[in-house]
Amino acid sequence: MSPSEESGPPTAPPVSFNPFRVPVPYSREGLPTVVKWEVDAPLAAWLVHGHSELWVPVDHTEAQFDWFVESGPDPDVLAYGQDHGHVVVVNGAQGTGKTSLINRCVDDLGRRLAPLAPEGVAAAAGYAADQLPGAESGPTLWVPRGGYPGVEILPIGDFRNVDNGYSRNNGRKTSVEELNRKIAKTVLRKLAMDKGFEQGFDDPRKESEDLGEVYEAISTRLGLMNRILLVIVPDMMWLGDGLTTQFISSFHTYAHPSVVFFLETSHKGLRGELEKEFRGVYEPHYTLLEMSSVNAEDWDIFIGRRTVVNGLPGASIVFADEVIQNRPERHLYRNVRDLQGFLHDMSSEAIEHEESSVQLNRLELVSLRRAALNLSALKF
């Protein structure tokens, strides 16, 4: 018997990287971009190279995305300045992946808009369809993207799509009108940073008290430049009083040609309210996408997808078959945020103990810890 046979089969080396984190690039002036790996961060394929590789089709988000492609903004209508803009609303409880879905829809629409030619936005920006910046085969993963030619993507909140105080004024909730004015000013200010947009933009309507006229002026200017504006608006966390529906309805009015709004909300009963709000309106230009809790089988799907992603530093972690087969109780991972955090915690402990795979004991330990945290939260 040879020495190699005596020692048995080679064991896998311990993993050094947790695949259940999200790479978030941070730019430092005068220095290279630094990538931080965070547990709770949205995916934004339009902003970060490689984020599309990390998408996992949990619960029914794939069906919601398909519905967006089918019923959402029509690139041909937007690119040639016809008809009307569009409002896309993503609704669901916290932790269900609303921001990631919005970002995925923005990325998809940007990709479909950019190649339109010869009169469309790509031609106006001087790009051929096969020269679009951000082709997946070229750039280094996890660094900021350059965007899409002719498409202006403008987040009102930060990377996580948080409102950063927009919905409050001196500690109180702002009215819909106050909030809309703040957002319109932010849109104008950010567009003004683009000299191409600001040069020659002397339309007096941009100073109007009527926000419909402000957005009409913006739409006219964008149309002259063959450009489309996609505005991402965060969840303002309104509760009741019909404010969420008023808010969405107002942006439906502001969505002129060349302007699309993506709104995030966690308002219960929104579908019925919107159907009532737009009853009798000819072809309301809005698309509602609704998030939900994860399914039991999403445990297997998430593990299977995230452990084979190309480009992650270090070896991918391996899960023992009994871990995949023995799904934890559903209340321990109610949404995609919980699910990713659960898998992250198990993987981190396996890495910390230099284990080559996640075994059943890690599942049991993390399950007990999460159950205790849930019980503690119920007491308060």
Protein backbone atom coordinates (compact mmCIF):
# COMPACT_ATOMS: atom_id res chain seq x y z
CA MET A 1 0.00 0.00 0.00
CA SER A 2 1.44 3.35 -1.03
CA PRO A 3 1.82 6.26 1.42
CA SER A 4 -0.94 8.15 -0.39
CA GLU A 5 -3.32 5.18 -0.04
CA GLU A 6 -2.51 4.86 3.67
CA SER A 7 -3.41 8.50 4.30
CA GLY A 8 -6.83 8.18 2.60
CA PRO A 9 -8.46 10.59 0.13
CA PRO A 10 -7.25 14.19 0.21
CA THR A 11 -9.44 16.48 2.29
CA ALA A 12 -10.74 19.75 0.88
CA PRO A 13 -8.89 22.82 2.10
CA PRO A 14 -10.78 25.03 4.53
CA VAL A 15 -12.67 27.83 2.83
CA SER A 16 -11.52 31.39 3.35
CA PHE A 17 -14.44 33.39 1.98
CA ASN A 18 -18.13 33.60 2.75
CA PRO A 19 -20.24 33.65 -0.45
CA PHE A 20 -23.29 34.97 1.43
CA ARG A 21 -22.02 38.54 1.43
CA VAL A 22 -22.54 41.29 -1.13
CA PRO A 23 -19.61 43.30 -2.56
CA VAL A 24 -20.17 47.05 -2.16
CA PRO A 25 -17.60 49.31 -3.86
CA TYR A 26 -16.61 52.49 -2.04
CA SER A 27 -14.69 55.20 -3.88
CA ARG A 28 -12.06 57.19 -2.04
CA GLU A 29 -10.87 60.37 -3.71
CA GLY A 30 -7.41 59.93 -5.18
CA LEU A 31 -7.28 56.25 -4.21
CA PRO A 32 -8.44 53.02 -5.88
CA THR A 33 -11.95 51.79 -5.21
CA VAL A 34 -12.24 49.64 -2.10
CA VAL A 35 -14.70 46.74 -2.09
CA LYS A 36 -16.36 45.93 1.24
CA TRP A 37 -18.27 42.68 1.64
CA GLU A 38 -21.49 43.21 3.56
CA VAL A 39 -24.14 40.79 4.79
CA ASP A 40 -27.15 43.03 4.35
CA ALA A 41 -26.80 45.02 1.13
CA PRO A 42 -29.00 45.17 -1.97
CA LEU A 43 -27.88 43.96 -5.38
CA ALA A 44 -27.54 46.71 -7.98
CA ALA A 45 -26.45 45.28 -11.33
CA TRP A 46 -26.78 48.70 -13.02
CA LEU A 47 -24.25 50.11 -10.53
CA VAL A 48 -21.80 47.27 -9.80
CA HIS A 49 -20.17 44.85 -12.24
CA GLY A 50 -20.97 41.26 -11.32
CA HIS A 51 -23.98 41.88 -9.09
CA SER A 52 -26.14 40.18 -11.71
CA GLU A 53 -24.19 36.98 -11.01
CA LEU A 54 -25.32 37.04 -7.37
CA TRP A 55 -29.05 37.19 -8.09
CA VAL A 56 -30.99 34.21 -6.72
CA PRO A 57 -34.61 33.65 -7.90
CA VAL A 58 -36.17 33.08 -4.48
CA ASP A 59 -39.91 33.10 -3.62
CA HIS A 60 -41.69 34.38 -6.75
CA THR A 61 -39.39 37.27 -7.68
CA GLU A 62 -38.60 35.74 -11.06
CA ALA A 63 -42.29 35.85 -11.95
CA GLN A 64 -42.46 39.47 -10.76
CA PHE A 65 -39.45 40.38 -12.89
CA ASP A 66 -41.00 38.66 -15.91
CA TRP A 67 -44.18 40.67 -15.31
CA PHE A 68 -42.11 43.86 -15.30
CA VAL A 69 -40.56 42.95 -18.66
CA GLU A 70 -44.00 42.16 -20.07
CA SER A 71 -46.09 45.01 -18.65
CA GLY A 72 -43.56 47.64 -17.58
CA PRO A 73 -42.19 50.62 -19.54
CA ASP A 74 -41.91 50.05 -23.29
CA PRO A 75 -38.38 51.01 -24.44
CA ASP A 76 -39.60 51.96 -27.92
CA VAL A 77 -42.21 54.33 -26.50
CA LEU A 78 -39.70 55.92 -24.11
CA ALA A 79 -36.84 56.24 -26.56
CA TYR A 80 -38.86 58.08 -29.17
CA GLY A 81 -40.64 60.44 -26.81
CA GLN A 82 -44.16 59.19 -27.44
CA ASP A 83 -47.20 58.88 -25.21
CA HIS A 84 -46.32 59.02 -21.51
CA GLY A 85 -43.78 58.02 -18.92
CA HIS A 86 -44.31 55.17 -16.46
CA VAL A 87 -44.41 54.40 -12.73
CA VAL A 88 -43.12 51.08 -11.40
CA VAL A 89 -44.09 50.24 -7.80
CA VAL A 90 -42.42 47.44 -5.82
CA ASN A 91 -44.39 46.65 -2.67
CA GLY A 92 -43.62 44.28 0.19
CA ALA A 93 -42.52 43.92 3.80
CA GLN A 94 -39.04 44.87 4.92
CA GLY A 95 -36.37 42.30 4.09
CA THR A 96 -38.20 40.81 1.10
CA GLY A 97 -35.73 42.16 -1.49
CA LYS A 98 -37.65 45.16 -2.84
CA THR A 99 -34.56 47.28 -3.48
CA SER A 100 -32.74 44.45 -5.25
CA LEU A 101 -35.75 43.86 -7.50
CA ILE A 102 -36.04 47.58 -8.32
CA ASN A 103 -32.35 47.66 -9.18
CA ARG A 104 -32.71 44.59 -11.37
CA CYS A 105 -35.62 46.17 -13.24
CA VAL A 106 -33.63 49.40 -13.69
CA ASP A 107 -30.70 47.41 -15.05
CA ASP A 108 -32.92 45.46 -17.44
CA LEU A 109 -34.63 48.60 -18.76
CA GLY A 110 -31.27 50.35 -19.17
CA ARG A 111 -29.93 47.43 -21.18
CA ARG A 112 -32.99 47.36 -23.44
CA LEU A 113 -32.96 51.12 -23.97
CA ALA A 114 -29.28 51.57 -24.74
CA PRO A 115 -28.99 49.67 -28.08
CA LEU A 116 -31.95 51.41 -29.73
CA ALA A 117 -30.82 52.79 -33.09
CA PRO A 118 -30.55 54.58 -35.47
CA GLU A 119 -32.63 57.39 -33.97
CA GLY A 120 -32.58 56.10 -30.41
CA VAL A 121 -30.51 56.92 -27.39
CA ALA A 122 -27.48 54.77 -28.24
CA ALA A 123 -26.97 56.46 -31.58
CA ALA A 124 -27.37 59.88 -29.96
CA ALA A 125 -24.67 58.97 -27.45
CA GLY A 126 -22.32 57.73 -30.17
CA TYR A 127 -22.30 54.02 -29.28
CA ALA A 128 -22.94 51.00 -31.43
CA ALA A 129 -24.97 48.20 -29.85
CA ASP A 130 -21.88 45.98 -29.40
CA GLN A 131 -19.85 48.75 -27.75
CA LEU A 132 -22.04 49.35 -24.73
CA PRO A 133 -20.06 50.00 -21.55
CA GLY A 134 -20.46 47.28 -18.95
CA ALA A 135 -20.42 44.24 -21.25
CA GLU A 136 -20.19 41.30 -18.86
CA SER A 137 -17.15 39.77 -20.56
CA GLY A 138 -14.89 42.77 -20.08
CA PRO A 139 -14.70 44.67 -16.82
CA THR A 140 -13.33 43.58 -13.47
CA LEU A 141 -16.00 42.29 -11.14
CA TRP A 142 -17.30 44.24 -8.13
CA VAL A 143 -16.27 47.70 -9.34
CA PRO A 144 -18.65 50.55 -10.25
CA ARG A 145 -20.23 50.50 -13.69
CA GLY A 146 -20.23 53.36 -16.15
CA GLY A 147 -23.97 53.28 -16.81
CA TYR A 148 -25.79 52.99 -20.14
CA PRO A 149 -25.53 55.47 -23.00
CA GLY A 150 -28.50 57.77 -23.17
CA VAL A 151 -29.95 56.53 -19.88
CA GLU A 152 -29.74 58.68 -16.75
CA ILE A 153 -30.25 56.62 -13.56
CA LEU A 154 -30.90 58.83 -10.57
CA PRO A 155 -31.37 57.35 -7.06
CA ILE A 156 -33.02 59.75 -4.61
CA GLY A 157 -31.81 57.77 -1.60
CA ASP A 158 -28.47 56.10 -0.93
CA PHE A 159 -27.16 52.72 -2.10
CA ARG A 160 -29.65 50.94 0.14
CA ASN A 161 -32.49 53.13 -1.16
CA VAL A 162 -33.07 54.72 2.26
CA ASP A 163 -34.92 58.03 2.28
CA ASN A 164 -32.25 59.87 4.36
CA GLY A 165 -34.82 62.09 6.06
CA TYR A 166 -36.76 63.12 2.95
CA SER A 167 -40.05 62.14 4.54
CA ARG A 168 -39.57 64.30 7.64
CA ASN A 169 -39.39 68.02 8.32
CA ASN A 170 -38.23 69.10 11.79
CA GLY A 171 -39.20 65.72 13.19
CA ARG A 172 -42.66 65.53 11.67
CA LYS A 173 -43.89 63.65 8.65
CA THR A 174 -44.00 65.88 5.59
CA SER A 175 -47.06 66.17 3.41
CA VAL A 176 -47.14 64.57 -0.02
CA GLU A 177 -46.75 68.01 -1.60
CA GLU A 178 -43.71 68.91 0.54
CA LEU A 179 -42.06 65.59 -0.15
CA ASN A 180 -42.68 65.80 -3.89
CA ARG A 181 -41.13 69.26 -3.96
CA LYS A 182 -38.02 67.97 -2.18
CA ILE A 183 -37.68 65.13 -4.67
CA ALA A 184 -38.18 67.43 -7.69
CA LYS A 185 -35.45 69.75 -6.39
CA THR A 186 -33.13 66.77 -5.93
CA VAL A 187 -33.79 65.60 -9.49
CA LEU A 188 -33.04 69.07 -10.87
CA ARG A 189 -29.92 69.45 -8.73
CA LYS A 190 -28.47 66.10 -9.77
CA LEU A 191 -29.27 66.64 -13.44
CA ALA A 192 -27.66 70.08 -13.26
CA MET A 193 -24.36 68.37 -12.42
CA ASP A 194 -24.40 67.08 -16.01
CA LYS A 195 -23.22 69.98 -18.17
CA GLY A 196 -24.78 68.40 -21.23
CA PHE A 197 -28.19 68.56 -19.60
CA GLU A 198 -27.81 72.01 -18.07
CA GLN A 199 -26.32 73.78 -21.09
CA GLY A 200 -29.07 75.70 -22.83
CA PHE A 201 -31.72 74.49 -20.39
CA ASP A 202 -33.49 77.83 -19.94
CA ASP A 203 -37.07 76.55 -19.83
CA PRO A 204 -38.92 78.78 -17.30
CA ARG A 205 -41.17 75.86 -16.34
CA LYS A 206 -38.34 74.33 -14.28
CA GLU A 207 -38.91 77.10 -11.70
CA SER A 208 -42.68 76.60 -11.65
CA GLU A 209 -44.66 75.99 -8.45
CA ASP A 210 -46.58 73.39 -10.45
CA LEU A 211 -44.44 70.24 -10.27
CA GLY A 212 -46.21 68.84 -13.32
CA GLU A 213 -44.70 71.70 -15.31
CA VAL A 214 -41.27 71.12 -13.73
CA TYR A 215 -41.22 67.50 -14.88
CA GLU A 216 -42.65 68.50 -18.25
CA ALA A 217 -39.69 70.85 -18.68
CA ILE A 218 -37.30 68.06 -17.69
CA SER A 219 -39.00 65.67 -20.09
CA THR A 220 -38.78 68.18 -22.96
CA ARG A 221 -35.07 68.72 -22.33
CA LEU A 222 -34.40 64.97 -22.15
CA GLY A 223 -36.33 64.44 -25.37
CA LEU A 224 -34.16 66.98 -27.19
CA MET A 225 -31.08 65.09 -25.98
CA ASN A 226 -32.52 61.63 -26.81
CA ARG A 227 -32.11 60.57 -23.20
CA ILE A 228 -34.28 58.72 -20.68
CA LEU A 229 -34.43 59.46 -16.95
CA LEU A 230 -35.00 56.62 -14.47
CA VAL A 231 -35.64 57.93 -10.94
CA ILE A 232 -35.43 55.52 -7.97
CA VAL A 233 -37.51 56.70 -5.00
CA PRO A 234 -37.12 54.98 -1.59
CA ASP A 235 -39.82 53.78 0.79
CA MET A 236 -41.14 56.73 2.81
CA MET A 237 -42.66 54.38 5.43
CA TRP A 238 -46.09 56.01 5.54
CA LEU A 239 -48.73 54.21 7.55
CA GLY A 240 -52.37 54.56 6.53
CA ASP A 241 -54.30 57.71 5.66
CA GLY A 242 -54.01 56.92 1.95
CA LEU A 243 -50.72 58.86 1.74
CA THR A 244 -48.90 56.09 -0.12
CA THR A 245 -51.61 55.97 -2.78
CA GLN A 246 -51.60 59.78 -3.10
CA PHE A 247 -47.82 59.68 -3.45
CA ILE A 248 -47.90 57.06 -6.22
CA SER A 249 -50.75 58.83 -7.99
CA SER A 250 -48.84 62.12 -8.02
CA PHE A 251 -45.83 60.51 -9.66
CA HIS A 252 -48.12 58.94 -12.22
CA THR A 253 -48.94 62.55 -13.17
CA TYR A 254 -45.26 63.56 -13.27
CA ALA A 255 -44.16 60.64 -15.47
CA HIS A 256 -43.99 62.53 -18.75
CA PRO A 257 -42.35 61.00 -21.84
CA SER A 258 -38.68 60.15 -21.15
CA VAL A 259 -39.26 59.98 -17.36
CA VAL A 260 -39.82 56.72 -15.44
CA PHE A 261 -40.23 56.52 -11.65
CA PHE A 262 -39.43 53.41 -9.59
CA LEU A 263 -41.13 53.62 -6.20
CA GLU A 264 -40.58 51.34 -3.21
CA THR A 265 -43.21 50.86 -0.52
CA SER A 266 -44.23 48.52 2.30
CA HIS A 267 -47.90 49.52 2.37
CA LYS A 268 -50.42 46.74 3.03
CA GLY A 269 -53.49 46.56 0.83
CA LEU A 270 -51.87 48.67 -1.87
CA ARG A 271 -53.19 46.70 -4.85
CA GLY A 272 -56.83 47.37 -3.96
CA GLU A 273 -56.17 51.05 -3.29
CA LEU A 274 -54.38 51.54 -6.61
CA GLU A 275 -57.10 49.74 -8.55
CA LYS A 276 -59.63 52.08 -6.95
CA GLU A 277 -57.43 55.14 -7.55
CA PHE A 278 -56.98 54.44 -11.26
CA ARG A 279 -60.47 53.09 -11.95
CA GLY A 280 -61.80 54.72 -15.09
CA VAL A 281 -58.36 56.03 -16.11
CA TYR A 282 -57.55 55.09 -19.71
CA GLU A 283 -54.42 52.91 -19.77
CA PRO A 284 -52.86 53.88 -16.42
CA HIS A 285 -49.11 53.79 -16.94
CA TYR A 286 -48.05 51.95 -13.83
CA THR A 287 -46.80 48.47 -13.02
CA LEU A 288 -47.21 46.94 -9.55
CA LEU A 289 -44.77 44.25 -8.40
CA GLU A 290 -45.47 42.54 -5.07
CA MET A 291 -42.89 40.75 -2.89
CA SER A 292 -43.62 37.92 -0.47
CA SER A 293 -41.99 35.65 2.09
CA VAL A 294 -39.62 32.92 0.93
CA ASN A 295 -40.71 29.36 0.15
CA ALA A 296 -39.28 26.29 1.90
CA GLU A 297 -37.39 25.19 -1.23
CA ASP A 298 -35.65 28.56 -1.43
CA TRP A 299 -33.24 27.19 1.17
CA ASP A 300 -31.89 24.73 -1.41
CA ILE A 301 -32.03 27.25 -4.26
CA PHE A 302 -30.05 29.92 -2.40
CA ILE A 303 -27.35 27.47 -1.31
CA GLY A 304 -27.06 25.96 -4.78
CA ARG A 305 -26.76 29.29 -6.58
CA ARG A 306 -24.45 31.19 -4.24
CA THR A 307 -21.92 28.41 -3.77
CA VAL A 308 -21.07 28.17 -7.49
CA VAL A 309 -20.72 31.87 -8.39
CA ASN A 310 -17.69 32.63 -10.54
CA GLY A 311 -15.33 35.39 -9.50
CA LEU A 312 -15.73 35.18 -5.72
CA PRO A 313 -12.37 35.39 -3.94
CA GLY A 314 -11.29 32.18 -2.28
CA ALA A 315 -12.89 28.78 -2.47
CA SER A 316 -16.65 28.37 -2.47
CA ILE A 317 -18.03 26.80 0.66
CA VAL A 318 -19.59 23.33 0.60
CA PHE A 319 -22.75 22.33 2.45
CA ALA A 320 -23.17 18.76 3.66
CA ASP A 321 -26.17 16.95 2.18
CA GLU A 322 -27.89 16.70 5.56
CA VAL A 323 -27.77 20.48 5.94
CA ILE A 324 -29.57 20.94 2.63
CA GLN A 325 -32.07 18.18 3.38
CA ASN A 326 -32.88 19.34 6.93
CA ARG A 327 -34.28 22.79 6.30
CA PRO A 328 -34.75 24.83 9.47
CA GLU A 329 -38.20 25.84 10.65
CA ARG A 330 -39.73 28.50 8.43
CA HIS A 331 -40.07 31.16 11.12
CA LEU A 332 -36.26 31.26 11.32
CA TYR A 333 -35.99 32.59 7.75
CA ARG A 334 -39.17 34.42 6.81
CA ASN A 335 -37.70 36.55 4.02
CA VAL A 336 -34.66 36.70 1.77
CA ARG A 337 -32.77 38.92 4.24
CA ASP A 338 -33.26 36.33 7.00
CA LEU A 339 -32.34 33.50 4.64
CA GLN A 340 -29.09 35.10 3.50
CA GLY A 341 -28.19 36.02 7.09
CA PHE A 342 -28.84 32.46 8.27
CA LEU A 343 -26.59 30.95 5.59
CA HIS A 344 -23.96 33.61 6.24
CA ASP A 345 -23.84 32.82 9.97
CA MET A 346 -23.41 29.08 9.38
CA SER A 347 -20.70 29.66 6.78
CA SER A 348 -18.83 32.17 8.96
CA GLU A 349 -18.64 29.71 11.84
CA ALA A 350 -17.38 26.94 9.56
CA ILE A 351 -14.71 29.29 8.20
CA GLU A 352 -13.75 30.43 11.71
CA HIS A 353 -13.22 26.80 12.79
CA GLU A 354 -11.29 26.00 9.57
CA GLU A 355 -13.80 23.40 8.49
CA SER A 356 -13.96 22.29 4.87
CA SER A 357 -17.76 22.20 4.80
CA VAL A 358 -20.84 23.29 6.73
CA GLN A 359 -22.06 20.35 8.79
CA LEU A 360 -25.37 19.68 10.57
CA ASN A 361 -24.03 20.86 13.92
CA ARG A 362 -23.65 24.39 12.49
CA LEU A 363 -27.27 24.35 11.35
CA GLU A 364 -28.41 23.25 14.80
CA LEU A 365 -26.36 25.89 16.63
CA VAL A 366 -27.46 28.79 14.43
CA SER A 367 -31.10 27.60 14.59
CA LEU A 368 -31.04 27.61 18.40
CA ARG A 369 -29.45 31.06 18.47
CA ARG A 370 -31.98 32.54 16.05
CA ALA A 371 -34.90 30.94 17.88
CA ALA A 372 -33.67 32.52 21.12
CA LEU A 373 -33.39 35.93 19.44
CA ASN A 374 -36.93 35.64 18.05
CA LEU A 375 -38.26 34.68 21.48
CA SER A 376 -36.43 37.58 23.09
CA ALA A 377 -37.87 40.01 20.54
CA LEU A 378 -41.42 38.81 21.27
CA LYS A 379 -41.02 39.73 24.95
CA PHE A 380 -40.64 43.42 24.19
